[in-house]
Amino acid sequence: MTVFDVTSNAFETPAPNLGSESLDRHLAGDFQFGATFVTAPAPVHAGLGPVFNNTSCERCHIGDGRGRPPNPGESFTSLLFRTSVDGMDPQGGPLSAPGVGLQLQLRAIVGFAAEGTAALAYDEVPGEFADGTPYTLRRPRYTLTGGAAPLPGGLLVSPRVAPPVFGLGLLEALSEATIMAAADPDDADGDGISGRPNRVWDPTDGATAIGRFGWKANAASLLQQTAAAYNGDMGVTSTFFPAEPCEGLIAGCERHAPDVTDEVVRIAQHYVRTLGVPARRGLDDQVARRGETVFRQAGCAGCHLPELRTGELPDVPEASGQTIRPYTDLLLHDMGPDLADDRPDFEASGQEWRTPPLWGIGLTVVVSGHTNFLHDGRARDLMEAILWHGGEAAGARSDVLDLAPADREALLAFLRSL
C-alpha cells in the first residue's frame, strides 16, 4: 500500500494494490469525504447542524493531512474542543457536559446559537540545550465563552487538531495480539516505558474493544471514527449515531430521520481504509541514516515502533499481511503534566496520549502548508514537539537536550525523511 508521491497529493492517493471494485469504492468515498453539507432541506448533502464545527471531512483534514491551530485573526477551522465533566457514562466513557455535550460546537445554522466561542494566546517557555543553544516553546492558553448560555462549571476541555487520515486501514488491520505484545503497563522490563491500551466502547459494534484511533485512542474502529466524525463535527446523523450532538441540550434540537445512509458512512470508511502511505525518502542520505541511529539510541523507538505486521482486515484484503513502518504502538503513554489536558477519555488519564504514527510526517509542510505538531498544534516544528515530551518520554527528551548540534540536525533529517 506504499505510494511514491511527494507532492501535495501525497496523503490522498489511493493504495496502488487496490482491485478494481475496491478502487471504485475508494473513489466514491473520496467524493463523500469532500462533500460539503448544507442545511436541510436540500437535494443533496442535507443535514448540517443544528450546531457543528465544520461542513465537510475535507475542511478539517485538508489534503487528508494535519490540522493546525488558528493564526491570529483566523477562526478555529481544524482544531476542536472535546468537553466533559467529572464522572463516566454507562459505558465508561467521558460524561457529557450540561448544555455542551462531548464537544464544543463553535458554529450553528440559522435559528440556532453556537455553543460557544474560543480564543487562543500563547505564553513563551524559554530553555536551552546542554551546549547552551537557546530555544523557545509556546504554551497555548484558551479562552472559552458560552454561546446562548454560560459554559457549565467544572468543564473539562481537550483541544485537538485534525490528524492525518492516510494509512488507517493498515493500523486497523493490526491484530489485538500485536498491539498487546508491546504493552507493558507495569514497566516490568524497567525501561521507564509503560504503554497500555485504551479499552473503549464501540457503539457501532455494541462491544468494548481496544482503541486505536484518535489522540487518546478513544475509537476502536474506523466505522466508529467515521460515523462519530459525521455526527460530532458536522451534526450529521446516521443509524450509528442517530441523535444530534445537541439533543436534550438546546431547544429545537430533536431526533429525526438519519441525515445519511449507512452506505455513505461505510463508503467514507472505505476511503480512509484504502489510502496509501508515502514511502520513506532519502534512504541513501547518510545524515538521515545517522539520525535514525540517534532516534533509536535516545529511546524514541520504545514507543514509536518502527515495524509491525498486519493481520487480516475484513473487506480490505489489500491491507492484510503487510509489513508496515508506522512508528507507533497505538498504546497510551503518560506524557507528563506539560502536555496534559486533564480530561480522562475511557481508560486514558488526563496525562496519557496514544503514540501518534510518524510515517509521512516529513511531508506535512508539503501537504498541509505548516509544521505544527502535537495534539493541539502547539509545536511549530519537529524539535519543539520533541522538547514538549515528558513523563515516560522524559529520558528521551533529556538525551536529545544533550545532543551535539550535528546529531540534533541528523535526528531532524531522519524525521523529515519519513
Protein backbone atom coordinates (compact mmCIF):
# COMPACT_ATOMS: atom_id res chain seq x y z
CA MET A 1 0.00 0.00 0.00
CA THR A 2 3.03 2.29 -0.42
CA VAL A 3 2.82 5.35 -2.66
CA PHE A 4 5.72 7.36 -4.03
CA ASP A 5 4.04 10.75 -4.39
CA VAL A 6 5.92 13.63 -2.73
CA THR A 7 3.56 16.39 -3.88
CA SER A 8 0.60 17.98 -2.09
CA ASN A 9 -1.38 14.86 -3.11
CA ALA A 10 0.88 12.54 -1.09
CA PHE A 11 -1.70 11.83 1.63
CA GLU A 12 -4.77 11.47 -0.61
CA THR A 13 -3.52 8.88 -3.07
CA PRO A 14 -5.29 5.51 -3.20
CA ALA A 15 -3.20 2.47 -2.35
CA PRO A 16 -1.77 1.11 -5.61
CA ASN A 17 -2.72 -2.50 -4.86
CA LEU A 18 -6.49 -1.94 -4.80
CA GLY A 19 -8.62 -4.18 -7.00
CA SER A 20 -10.96 -2.50 -9.48
CA GLU A 21 -14.04 -2.85 -7.28
CA SER A 22 -12.19 -1.59 -4.22
CA LEU A 23 -10.77 1.34 -6.19
CA ASP A 24 -14.23 2.31 -7.46
CA ARG A 25 -15.50 2.25 -3.89
CA HIS A 26 -12.48 4.29 -2.78
CA LEU A 27 -13.20 6.96 -5.41
CA ALA A 28 -16.83 7.09 -4.31
CA GLY A 29 -15.60 7.55 -0.75
CA ASP A 30 -13.28 10.33 -1.89
CA PHE A 31 -16.34 12.17 -3.18
CA GLN A 32 -18.16 11.71 0.12
CA PHE A 33 -15.08 12.81 2.10
CA GLY A 34 -15.05 16.09 0.21
CA ALA A 35 -18.82 16.64 0.16
CA THR A 36 -19.97 19.89 1.79
CA PHE A 37 -23.09 19.55 3.94
CA VAL A 38 -25.78 22.21 3.94
CA THR A 39 -28.89 22.97 5.94
CA ALA A 40 -31.92 20.77 5.26
CA PRO A 41 -33.98 20.65 3.15
CA ALA A 42 -31.66 20.35 0.15
CA PRO A 43 -31.45 17.93 -2.78
CA VAL A 44 -28.03 16.57 -1.76
CA HIS A 45 -25.83 16.57 1.34
CA ALA A 46 -28.55 17.97 3.60
CA GLY A 47 -28.40 17.69 7.37
CA LEU A 48 -25.75 20.11 8.58
CA GLY A 49 -26.07 21.14 12.22
CA PRO A 50 -28.01 22.49 14.06
CA VAL A 51 -24.62 23.07 15.73
CA PHE A 52 -21.35 21.99 14.16
CA ASN A 53 -17.63 22.66 13.82
CA ASN A 54 -17.20 22.31 10.07
CA THR A 55 -19.10 21.44 6.90
CA SER A 56 -17.11 18.53 5.44
CA CYS A 57 -14.44 16.00 6.32
CA GLU A 58 -12.03 17.68 3.90
CA ARG A 59 -12.42 21.10 5.53
CA CYS A 60 -10.70 19.77 8.68
CA HIS A 61 -8.41 17.20 7.06
CA ILE A 62 -7.22 19.39 4.18
CA GLY A 63 -5.43 17.20 1.66
CA ASP A 64 -6.13 14.35 4.11
CA GLY A 65 -3.43 15.90 6.27
CA ARG A 66 -2.88 17.50 9.63
CA GLY A 67 -4.91 20.36 11.09
CA ARG A 68 -3.45 23.30 12.96
CA PRO A 69 -4.44 25.94 15.49
CA PRO A 70 -5.64 29.24 14.04
CA ASN A 71 -3.27 32.07 13.31
CA PRO A 72 -4.19 35.50 14.72
CA GLY A 73 -7.43 36.68 13.17
CA GLU A 74 -8.44 33.24 11.91
CA SER A 75 -11.36 31.11 13.08
CA PHE A 76 -10.99 27.62 14.51
CA THR A 77 -11.17 25.51 11.36
CA SER A 78 -9.24 22.31 12.07
CA LEU A 79 -8.93 22.40 15.87
CA LEU A 80 -11.86 21.39 18.04
CA PHE A 81 -12.56 21.10 21.76
CA ARG A 82 -13.67 17.85 23.37
CA THR A 83 -15.65 18.52 26.55
CA SER A 84 -16.98 16.61 29.54
CA VAL A 85 -17.39 16.86 33.30
CA ASP A 86 -16.13 14.63 36.10
CA GLY A 87 -17.54 11.12 36.03
CA MET A 88 -18.19 8.40 33.47
CA ASP A 89 -21.11 7.49 31.26
CA PRO A 90 -22.66 3.99 31.48
CA GLN A 91 -20.08 2.62 29.01
CA GLY A 92 -17.11 4.03 30.93
CA GLY A 93 -16.56 6.96 28.60
CA PRO A 94 -16.44 10.72 29.32
CA LEU A 95 -19.55 12.18 30.94
CA SER A 96 -21.41 14.65 28.75
CA ALA A 97 -21.25 18.26 29.96
CA PRO A 98 -24.58 20.01 30.69
CA GLY A 99 -25.57 22.31 27.84
CA VAL A 100 -22.48 21.42 25.79
CA GLY A 101 -22.20 17.67 25.42
CA LEU A 102 -18.93 16.00 24.46
CA GLN A 103 -17.71 18.63 22.01
CA LEU A 104 -17.93 22.41 21.97
CA GLN A 105 -19.67 23.43 18.74
CA LEU A 106 -18.40 26.82 17.59
CA ARG A 107 -20.83 27.24 14.66
CA ALA A 108 -24.59 26.92 14.12
CA ILE A 109 -27.16 27.08 11.35
CA VAL A 110 -29.67 29.92 11.09
CA GLY A 111 -32.11 29.86 14.01
CA PHE A 112 -29.66 28.32 16.45
CA ALA A 113 -26.79 29.70 18.50
CA ALA A 114 -23.30 28.25 18.62
CA GLU A 115 -22.44 26.62 21.93
CA GLY A 116 -19.54 28.98 22.47
CA THR A 117 -16.62 30.97 21.16
CA ALA A 118 -12.90 30.39 21.56
CA ALA A 119 -9.76 32.50 21.58
CA LEU A 120 -6.13 31.41 21.66
CA ALA A 121 -2.99 33.04 23.01
CA TYR A 122 0.47 31.70 23.84
CA ASP A 123 2.93 32.02 26.69
CA GLU A 124 6.61 31.74 25.83
CA VAL A 125 8.60 28.97 27.57
CA PRO A 126 12.37 29.51 27.18
CA GLY A 127 15.04 26.82 27.54
CA GLU A 128 18.41 25.76 26.23
CA PHE A 129 20.25 22.67 25.07
CA ALA A 130 23.19 21.30 27.03
CA ASP A 131 25.59 23.16 24.72
CA GLY A 132 23.92 26.48 25.55
CA THR A 133 21.88 26.83 22.36
CA PRO A 134 18.62 28.56 23.34
CA TYR A 135 15.13 27.58 22.27
CA THR A 136 11.64 28.84 22.97
CA LEU A 137 8.49 26.77 23.24
CA ARG A 138 4.96 28.17 23.33
CA ARG A 139 2.28 27.09 25.76
CA PRO A 140 -1.29 27.59 24.49
CA ARG A 141 -3.85 29.43 26.59
CA TYR A 142 -7.50 29.13 25.57
CA THR A 143 -10.38 31.41 26.49
CA LEU A 144 -13.75 29.74 26.02
CA THR A 145 -17.03 31.61 26.33
CA GLY A 146 -20.54 30.19 26.31
CA GLY A 147 -22.96 30.97 23.49
CA ALA A 148 -26.65 31.12 24.34
CA ALA A 149 -25.83 30.12 27.94
CA PRO A 150 -22.71 30.23 30.12
CA LEU A 151 -20.45 27.20 29.98
CA PRO A 152 -21.04 24.80 32.90
CA GLY A 153 -18.80 24.80 35.92
CA GLY A 154 -16.17 22.10 36.18
CA LEU A 155 -15.90 21.81 32.39
CA LEU A 156 -13.06 19.55 31.24
CA VAL A 157 -11.68 20.62 27.87
CA SER A 158 -9.29 18.95 25.45
CA PRO A 159 -8.16 20.86 22.33
CA ARG A 160 -7.37 18.52 19.42
CA VAL A 161 -6.25 19.21 15.87
CA ALA A 162 -7.40 17.02 13.00
CA PRO A 163 -4.87 14.20 12.47
CA PRO A 164 -3.82 12.84 9.05
CA VAL A 165 -6.09 10.09 7.75
CA PHE A 166 -3.84 8.04 5.45
CA GLY A 167 -2.68 4.55 6.40
CA LEU A 168 -5.55 3.99 8.82
CA GLY A 169 -6.63 0.73 7.22
CA LEU A 170 -3.21 -0.74 7.92
CA LEU A 171 -3.48 0.27 11.57
CA GLU A 172 -6.94 -1.24 11.76
CA ALA A 173 -5.52 -4.45 10.30
CA LEU A 174 -3.16 -4.92 13.24
CA SER A 175 -4.36 -7.73 15.48
CA GLU A 176 -5.11 -7.08 19.13
CA ALA A 177 -2.38 -9.59 19.96
CA THR A 178 0.16 -7.49 18.05
CA ILE A 179 -0.87 -4.35 19.92
CA MET A 180 -0.84 -6.11 23.28
CA ALA A 181 2.61 -7.58 22.61
CA ALA A 182 4.08 -4.08 23.03
CA ALA A 183 2.10 -3.25 26.19
CA ASP A 184 3.95 -3.09 29.49
CA PRO A 185 1.54 -1.37 31.90
CA ASP A 186 3.65 -2.09 35.00
CA ASP A 187 7.01 -1.42 33.31
CA ALA A 188 8.11 -4.97 34.00
CA ASP A 189 11.26 -4.54 31.91
CA GLY A 190 12.29 -1.41 33.83
CA ASP A 191 12.88 0.77 30.78
CA GLY A 192 10.62 3.56 32.07
CA ILE A 193 8.02 2.95 29.36
CA SER A 194 4.67 1.54 30.47
CA GLY A 195 2.39 1.66 27.45
CA ARG A 196 -1.10 0.24 27.79
CA PRO A 197 -4.16 0.01 25.57
CA ASN A 198 -7.25 2.13 25.93
CA ARG A 199 -10.33 -0.08 26.12
CA VAL A 200 -13.34 1.75 24.74
CA TRP A 201 -16.99 1.20 23.92
CA ASP A 202 -17.68 0.91 20.20
CA PRO A 203 -21.38 1.74 19.61
CA THR A 204 -21.19 0.56 16.00
CA ASP A 205 -20.31 -2.93 17.23
CA GLY A 206 -22.03 -2.85 20.62
CA ALA A 207 -18.91 -4.08 22.41
CA THR A 208 -15.80 -2.97 24.25
CA ALA A 209 -12.55 -3.23 22.29
CA ILE A 210 -9.02 -1.87 22.18
CA GLY A 211 -8.98 1.73 21.00
CA ARG A 212 -6.77 2.51 18.02
CA PHE A 213 -7.80 5.89 16.59
CA GLY A 214 -7.94 9.43 17.90
CA TRP A 215 -5.42 11.31 20.04
CA LYS A 216 -6.35 9.21 23.09
CA ALA A 217 -7.16 6.01 21.18
CA ASN A 218 -10.83 6.53 22.03
CA ALA A 219 -12.21 4.91 18.86
CA ALA A 220 -11.93 1.17 18.30
CA SER A 221 -12.76 1.03 14.60
CA LEU A 222 -12.79 3.23 11.53
CA LEU A 223 -16.54 2.74 11.24
CA GLN A 224 -16.92 4.24 14.71
CA GLN A 225 -14.43 7.00 13.96
CA THR A 226 -16.11 7.91 10.68
CA ALA A 227 -19.69 7.86 11.95
CA ALA A 228 -18.70 9.80 15.08
CA ALA A 229 -16.96 12.46 12.99
CA TYR A 230 -20.04 12.93 10.80
CA ASN A 231 -22.11 13.32 13.94
CA GLY A 232 -19.85 15.25 16.30
CA ASP A 233 -18.10 17.52 13.81
CA MET A 234 -20.91 18.25 11.34
CA GLY A 235 -24.12 17.37 13.16
CA VAL A 236 -24.88 14.72 10.55
CA THR A 237 -26.78 11.75 11.93
CA SER A 238 -26.80 8.10 10.85
CA THR A 239 -28.18 4.92 12.35
CA PHE A 240 -24.83 4.52 14.11
CA PHE A 241 -25.25 7.91 15.84
CA PRO A 242 -28.96 8.75 15.45
CA ALA A 243 -29.06 11.68 17.89
CA GLU A 244 -27.82 15.18 17.16
CA PRO A 245 -24.94 16.17 19.47
CA CYS A 246 -27.19 18.88 20.89
CA GLU A 247 -30.21 16.63 21.56
CA GLY A 248 -31.54 17.32 25.04
CA LEU A 249 -29.17 20.26 25.42
CA ILE A 250 -30.80 23.06 23.44
CA ALA A 251 -34.40 23.74 22.42
CA GLY A 252 -35.42 22.55 18.97
CA CYS A 253 -32.60 20.02 18.65
CA GLU A 254 -34.69 16.89 18.26
CA ARG A 255 -34.46 13.33 16.92
CA HIS A 256 -35.26 12.90 13.21
CA ALA A 257 -34.62 10.51 10.34
CA PRO A 258 -30.90 9.89 9.67
CA ASP A 259 -29.20 12.52 7.53
CA VAL A 260 -27.04 9.97 5.71
CA THR A 261 -27.43 6.30 4.96
CA ASP A 262 -25.25 3.60 6.43
CA GLU A 263 -23.79 3.09 2.96
CA VAL A 264 -22.50 6.67 2.84
CA VAL A 265 -20.73 6.18 6.15
CA ARG A 266 -19.27 2.86 5.04
CA ILE A 267 -18.05 4.31 1.74
CA ALA A 268 -16.27 7.11 3.61
CA GLN A 269 -14.86 4.48 5.96
CA HIS A 270 -13.54 2.51 2.98
CA TYR A 271 -11.89 5.65 1.62
CA VAL A 272 -9.74 6.22 4.70
CA ARG A 273 -9.08 2.49 4.98
CA THR A 274 -7.59 2.37 1.50
CA LEU A 275 -5.42 5.48 1.32
CA GLY A 276 -1.79 4.67 0.59
CA VAL A 277 1.17 5.55 2.79
CA PRO A 278 4.01 7.73 1.44
CA ALA A 279 7.33 5.91 1.16
CA ARG A 280 10.28 6.99 3.25
CA ARG A 281 12.64 9.15 1.24
CA GLY A 282 16.40 9.69 1.17
CA LEU A 283 17.38 6.16 2.09
CA ASP A 284 20.92 6.89 0.89
CA ASP A 285 21.18 10.14 2.88
CA GLN A 286 23.94 9.47 5.42
CA VAL A 287 22.83 12.31 7.69
CA ALA A 288 19.30 10.90 7.90
CA ARG A 289 20.69 7.40 8.46
CA ARG A 290 22.77 8.76 11.33
CA GLY A 291 19.59 10.40 12.64
CA GLU A 292 17.85 7.04 12.65
CA THR A 293 20.58 5.73 14.96
CA VAL A 294 20.17 8.78 17.20
CA PHE A 295 16.40 8.17 17.26
CA ARG A 296 16.91 4.63 18.50
CA GLN A 297 19.69 5.47 20.95
CA ALA A 298 17.57 8.19 22.56
CA GLY A 299 14.82 5.63 23.22
CA CYS A 300 12.26 7.13 20.82
CA ALA A 301 11.69 3.73 19.21
CA GLY A 302 10.44 2.41 22.56
CA CYS A 303 7.03 3.93 21.78
CA HIS A 304 7.33 4.83 18.10
CA LEU A 305 7.80 1.22 16.98
CA PRO A 306 9.48 1.19 13.55
CA GLU A 307 7.97 -2.04 12.24
CA LEU A 308 4.77 -4.05 12.70
CA ARG A 309 2.95 -6.78 10.78
CA THR A 310 -0.73 -6.52 9.92
CA GLY A 311 -3.21 -9.36 10.32
CA GLU A 312 -6.46 -9.74 8.42
CA LEU A 313 -8.82 -6.85 7.72
CA PRO A 314 -12.28 -7.93 6.57
CA ASP A 315 -13.33 -6.36 3.25
CA VAL A 316 -9.84 -4.93 2.66
CA PRO A 317 -7.54 -7.82 1.79
CA GLU A 318 -5.06 -5.30 0.38
CA ALA A 319 -4.21 -4.21 3.95
CA SER A 320 -3.75 -7.75 5.23
CA GLY A 321 -0.42 -9.50 5.81
CA GLN A 322 1.69 -6.39 5.32
CA THR A 323 4.95 -5.35 6.95
CA ILE A 324 4.42 -1.70 7.85
CA ARG A 325 6.60 1.01 9.35
CA PRO A 326 4.20 3.40 11.10
CA TYR A 327 6.38 4.37 14.09
CA THR A 328 3.61 3.84 16.62
CA ASP A 329 2.49 1.21 19.11
CA LEU A 330 -1.11 2.55 19.32
CA LEU A 331 -0.74 2.46 23.12
CA LEU A 332 -1.35 5.09 25.76
CA HIS A 333 1.65 6.69 27.46
CA ASP A 334 1.91 9.19 30.28
CA MET A 335 3.45 12.25 28.64
CA GLY A 336 3.77 14.31 31.81
CA PRO A 337 1.97 17.39 33.11
CA ASP A 338 3.15 19.81 30.43
CA LEU A 339 1.13 18.03 27.73
CA ALA A 340 -1.78 17.03 29.97
CA ASP A 341 -5.32 18.04 29.09
CA ASP A 342 -6.60 16.73 32.46
CA ARG A 343 -9.59 15.17 30.71
CA PRO A 344 -9.96 11.38 31.03
CA ASP A 345 -11.24 9.50 27.98
CA PHE A 346 -12.35 5.94 28.79
CA GLU A 347 -9.25 4.39 30.42
CA ALA A 348 -6.91 7.16 29.25
CA SER A 349 -5.98 9.55 32.03
CA GLY A 350 -5.62 13.29 31.64
CA GLN A 351 -1.86 12.86 31.09
CA GLU A 352 -1.99 9.94 28.66
CA TRP A 353 -1.91 10.10 24.89
CA ARG A 354 -1.76 7.50 22.15
CA THR A 355 1.59 7.33 20.37
CA PRO A 356 0.93 9.12 17.07
CA PRO A 357 2.28 7.46 13.91
CA LEU A 358 5.27 9.24 12.38
CA TRP A 359 5.03 7.89 8.84
CA GLY A 360 4.63 10.71 6.33
CA ILE A 361 5.45 13.36 8.93
CA GLY A 362 8.18 14.88 6.78
CA LEU A 363 5.63 15.71 4.08
CA THR A 364 3.37 17.69 6.41
CA VAL A 365 4.69 21.02 5.18
CA VAL A 366 4.13 19.99 1.56
CA VAL A 367 0.58 18.71 2.07
CA SER A 368 -0.71 20.91 4.88
CA GLY A 369 1.45 24.01 4.43
CA HIS A 370 2.64 24.13 8.02
CA THR A 371 4.82 22.32 10.55
CA ASN A 372 2.55 22.36 13.59
CA PHE A 373 2.64 19.16 15.65
CA LEU A 374 1.28 17.53 18.82
CA HIS A 375 -2.38 17.11 19.75
CA ASP A 376 -3.05 20.85 19.89
CA GLY A 377 -0.54 22.00 17.29
CA ARG A 378 1.49 24.00 19.82
CA ALA A 379 4.82 22.78 18.44
CA ARG A 380 5.96 24.89 15.49
CA ASP A 381 8.42 22.29 14.27
CA LEU A 382 9.59 18.77 14.99
CA MET A 383 12.21 19.78 17.55
CA GLU A 384 9.64 21.69 19.58
CA ALA A 385 7.42 18.62 19.51
CA ILE A 386 10.27 16.53 20.94
CA LEU A 387 11.05 19.09 23.63
CA TRP A 388 7.45 19.03 24.92
CA HIS A 389 7.78 15.32 25.71
CA GLY A 390 7.72 14.41 29.39
CA GLY A 391 6.56 11.59 31.62
CA GLU A 392 7.61 8.29 30.10
CA ALA A 393 9.48 10.20 27.38
CA ALA A 394 11.43 12.42 29.80
CA GLY A 395 14.55 10.29 29.39
CA ALA A 396 14.44 10.54 25.61
CA ARG A 397 13.95 14.30 25.85
CA SER A 398 16.95 14.56 28.18
CA ASP A 399 19.08 12.64 25.70
CA VAL A 400 18.03 14.99 22.90
CA LEU A 401 18.91 18.02 25.03
CA ASP A 402 22.40 16.57 25.45
CA LEU A 403 22.96 16.01 21.72
CA ALA A 404 25.60 17.89 19.79
CA PRO A 405 24.21 20.25 17.11
CA ALA A 406 25.17 17.87 14.28
CA ASP A 407 23.30 14.99 15.92
CA ARG A 408 20.24 17.18 16.51
CA GLU A 409 20.19 18.04 12.83
CA ALA A 410 20.66 14.38 11.92
CA LEU A 411 17.67 13.43 14.08
CA LEU A 412 15.52 16.02 12.32
CA ALA A 413 16.77 14.87 8.92
CA PHE A 414 15.65 11.35 9.77
CA LEU A 415 12.19 12.51 10.83
CA ARG A 416 11.84 14.63 7.71
CA SER A 417 12.66 11.54 5.62
CA LEU A 418 9.67 9.61 6.97
